Amino acid sequence: MNKLFLVLLAYIAWSTSIHAQNKILFVTSNQDFYGSTTISASNHFGEIIEPYEVFIQAGYQVDFISPKGGAIPIGYLNTSDSLQKKISL
């Protein structure tokens, strides 16, 4: 993920923490396949955990929801990435 984007997220989290309730609602997808095809779809693991880590370090409580509730499809796990490896264990 773009490091500048992560720095921007951290700055926003830090600068608004005085006025916010310190809660983040993370909306994910339940989509298993692209449309009516058999092509698998999933949530990109790094796109979830990198901002999650920034928000947690900034003192936010992070909750996850999805339209159908329950488990969400996760893909694109990179176990050579230290953060992804730490969180996926």
C-alpha atoms as a PDB file:
ATOM      1  CA  MET A   1       0.000   0.000   0.000  1.00  0.00           C
ATOM      2  CA  ASN A   2       1.220   3.485  -0.739  1.00  0.00           C
ATOM      3  CA  LYS A   3       3.233   4.760   2.257  1.00  0.00           C
ATOM      4  CA  LEU A   4       2.060   8.329   1.638  1.00  0.00           C
ATOM      5  CA  PHE A   5      -1.530   7.129   1.949  1.00  0.00           C
ATOM      6  CA  LEU A   6      -0.704   5.479   5.290  1.00  0.00           C
ATOM      7  CA  VAL A   7       0.968   8.654   6.558  1.00  0.00           C
ATOM      8  CA  LEU A   8      -2.109  10.625   5.497  1.00  0.00           C
ATOM      9  CA  LEU A   9      -4.374   8.163   7.348  1.00  0.00           C
ATOM     10  CA  ALA A  10      -2.218   8.480  10.468  1.00  0.00           C
ATOM     11  CA  TYR A  11      -2.329  12.276  10.283  1.00  0.00           C
ATOM     12  CA  ILE A  12      -6.105  12.314   9.843  1.00  0.00           C
ATOM     13  CA  ALA A  13      -6.530   9.879  12.738  1.00  0.00           C
ATOM     14  CA  TRP A  14      -4.244  11.961  14.949  1.00  0.00           C
ATOM     15  CA  SER A  15      -5.630  15.388  14.002  1.00  0.00           C
ATOM     16  CA  THR A  16      -9.286  14.442  14.403  1.00  0.00           C
ATOM     17  CA  SER A  17      -8.967  12.350  17.554  1.00  0.00           C
ATOM     18  CA  ILE A  18      -9.877  15.299  19.787  1.00  0.00           C
ATOM     19  CA  HIS A  19     -13.274  15.715  18.121  1.00  0.00           C
ATOM     20  CA  ALA A  20     -14.069  12.115  17.234  1.00  0.00           C
ATOM     21  CA  GLN A  21     -15.390   9.297  19.381  1.00  0.00           C
ATOM     22  CA  ASN A  22     -12.260   7.289  18.569  1.00  0.00           C
ATOM     23  CA  LYS A  23     -14.194   4.642  16.652  1.00  0.00           C
ATOM     24  CA  ILE A  24     -13.728   3.416  13.094  1.00  0.00           C
ATOM     25  CA  LEU A  25     -16.269   1.270  11.263  1.00  0.00           C
ATOM     26  CA  PHE A  26     -14.575  -0.814   8.566  1.00  0.00           C
ATOM     27  CA  VAL A  27     -17.007  -2.089   5.920  1.00  0.00           C
ATOM     28  CA  THR A  28     -15.862  -5.175   4.012  1.00  0.00           C
ATOM     29  CA  SER A  29     -17.347  -7.233   1.197  1.00  0.00           C
ATOM     30  CA  ASN A  30     -18.941 -10.685   1.344  1.00  0.00           C
ATOM     31  CA  GLN A  31     -18.577 -11.165  -2.416  1.00  0.00           C
ATOM     32  CA  ASP A  32     -17.163 -14.632  -3.134  1.00  0.00           C
ATOM     33  CA  PHE A  33     -17.353 -14.403  -6.945  1.00  0.00           C
ATOM     34  CA  TYR A  34     -17.373 -11.639  -9.552  1.00  0.00           C
ATOM     35  CA  GLY A  35     -20.998 -11.291 -10.560  1.00  0.00           C
ATOM     36  CA  SER A  36     -22.446 -14.534 -11.866  1.00  0.00           C
ATOM     37  CA  THR A  37     -19.048 -15.914 -12.921  1.00  0.00           C
ATOM     38  CA  THR A  38     -16.915 -18.569 -11.254  1.00  0.00           C
ATOM     39  CA  ILE A  39     -14.018 -16.107 -10.863  1.00  0.00           C
ATOM     40  CA  SER A  40     -13.148 -15.847  -7.169  1.00  0.00           C
ATOM     41  CA  ALA A  41     -13.365 -12.487  -5.440  1.00  0.00           C
ATOM     42  CA  SER A  42     -12.071 -11.556  -2.007  1.00  0.00           C
ATOM     43  CA  ASN A  43     -10.979  -8.735   0.247  1.00  0.00           C
ATOM     44  CA  HIS A  44      -7.297  -7.839  -0.115  1.00  0.00           C
ATOM     45  CA  PHE A  45      -5.720  -8.693   3.251  1.00  0.00           C
ATOM     46  CA  GLY A  46      -3.140  -5.899   3.085  1.00  0.00           C
ATOM     47  CA  GLU A  47      -5.784  -3.280   2.292  1.00  0.00           C
ATOM     48  CA  ILE A  48      -7.562  -4.218   5.496  1.00  0.00           C
ATOM     49  CA  ILE A  49      -4.742  -4.713   7.976  1.00  0.00           C
ATOM     50  CA  GLU A  50      -2.475  -1.806   7.012  1.00  0.00           C
ATOM     51  CA  PRO A  51      -5.063   0.907   7.774  1.00  0.00           C
ATOM     52  CA  TYR A  52      -6.264  -1.189  10.747  1.00  0.00           C
ATOM     53  CA  GLU A  53      -2.764  -1.058  12.233  1.00  0.00           C
ATOM     54  CA  VAL A  54      -2.567   2.731  11.705  1.00  0.00           C
ATOM     55  CA  PHE A  55      -5.950   3.269  13.365  1.00  0.00           C
ATOM     56  CA  ILE A  56      -5.136   1.016  16.340  1.00  0.00           C
ATOM     57  CA  GLN A  57      -1.804   2.757  16.901  1.00  0.00           C
ATOM     58  CA  ALA A  58      -3.625   6.112  16.817  1.00  0.00           C
ATOM     59  CA  GLY A  59      -5.905   4.900  19.624  1.00  0.00           C
ATOM     60  CA  TYR A  60      -9.042   4.107  17.660  1.00  0.00           C
ATOM     61  CA  GLN A  61     -11.409   1.224  18.318  1.00  0.00           C
ATOM     62  CA  VAL A  62     -11.958  -0.578  15.016  1.00  0.00           C
ATOM     63  CA  ASP A  63     -15.078  -2.618  14.261  1.00  0.00           C
ATOM     64  CA  PHE A  64     -15.717  -4.632  11.105  1.00  0.00           C
ATOM     65  CA  ILE A  65     -19.043  -5.193   9.363  1.00  0.00           C
ATOM     66  CA  SER A  66     -20.137  -6.766   6.103  1.00  0.00           C
ATOM     67  CA  PRO A  67     -23.488  -6.699   4.293  1.00  0.00           C
ATOM     68  CA  LYS A  68     -24.270 -10.357   5.045  1.00  0.00           C
ATOM     69  CA  GLY A  69     -22.466 -10.538   8.392  1.00  0.00           C
ATOM     70  CA  GLY A  70     -20.283 -13.470   9.317  1.00  0.00           C
ATOM     71  CA  ALA A  71     -17.054 -14.495   7.646  1.00  0.00           C
ATOM     72  CA  ILE A  72     -15.606 -12.562   4.728  1.00  0.00           C
ATOM     73  CA  PRO A  73     -13.460 -13.914   1.895  1.00  0.00           C
ATOM     74  CA  ILE A  74      -9.802 -12.916   2.349  1.00  0.00           C
ATOM     75  CA  GLY A  75      -7.216 -13.131  -0.399  1.00  0.00           C
ATOM     76  CA  TYR A  76      -3.864 -11.859  -1.516  1.00  0.00           C
ATOM     77  CA  LEU A  77      -2.085 -12.825   1.704  1.00  0.00           C
ATOM     78  CA  ASN A  78       1.628 -12.018   1.536  1.00  0.00           C
ATOM     79  CA  THR A  79       3.380 -13.986   4.285  1.00  0.00           C
ATOM     80  CA  SER A  80       6.713 -12.352   3.452  1.00  0.00           C
ATOM     81  CA  ASP A  81       5.251  -9.034   4.659  1.00  0.00           C
ATOM     82  CA  SER A  82       5.993  -8.766   8.400  1.00  0.00           C
ATOM     83  CA  LEU A  83       2.681  -7.113   9.343  1.00  0.00           C
ATOM     84  CA  GLN A  84       0.597  -9.572   7.344  1.00  0.00           C
ATOM     85  CA  LYS A  85       2.563 -12.465   8.821  1.00  0.00           C
ATOM     86  CA  LYS A  86       2.100 -11.142  12.370  1.00  0.00           C
ATOM     87  CA  ILE A  87      -1.652 -10.644  12.052  1.00  0.00           C
ATOM     88  CA  SER A  88      -2.372 -13.839  10.085  1.00  0.00           C
ATOM     89  CA  LEU A  89      -0.877 -16.121  12.749  1.00  0.00           C
END
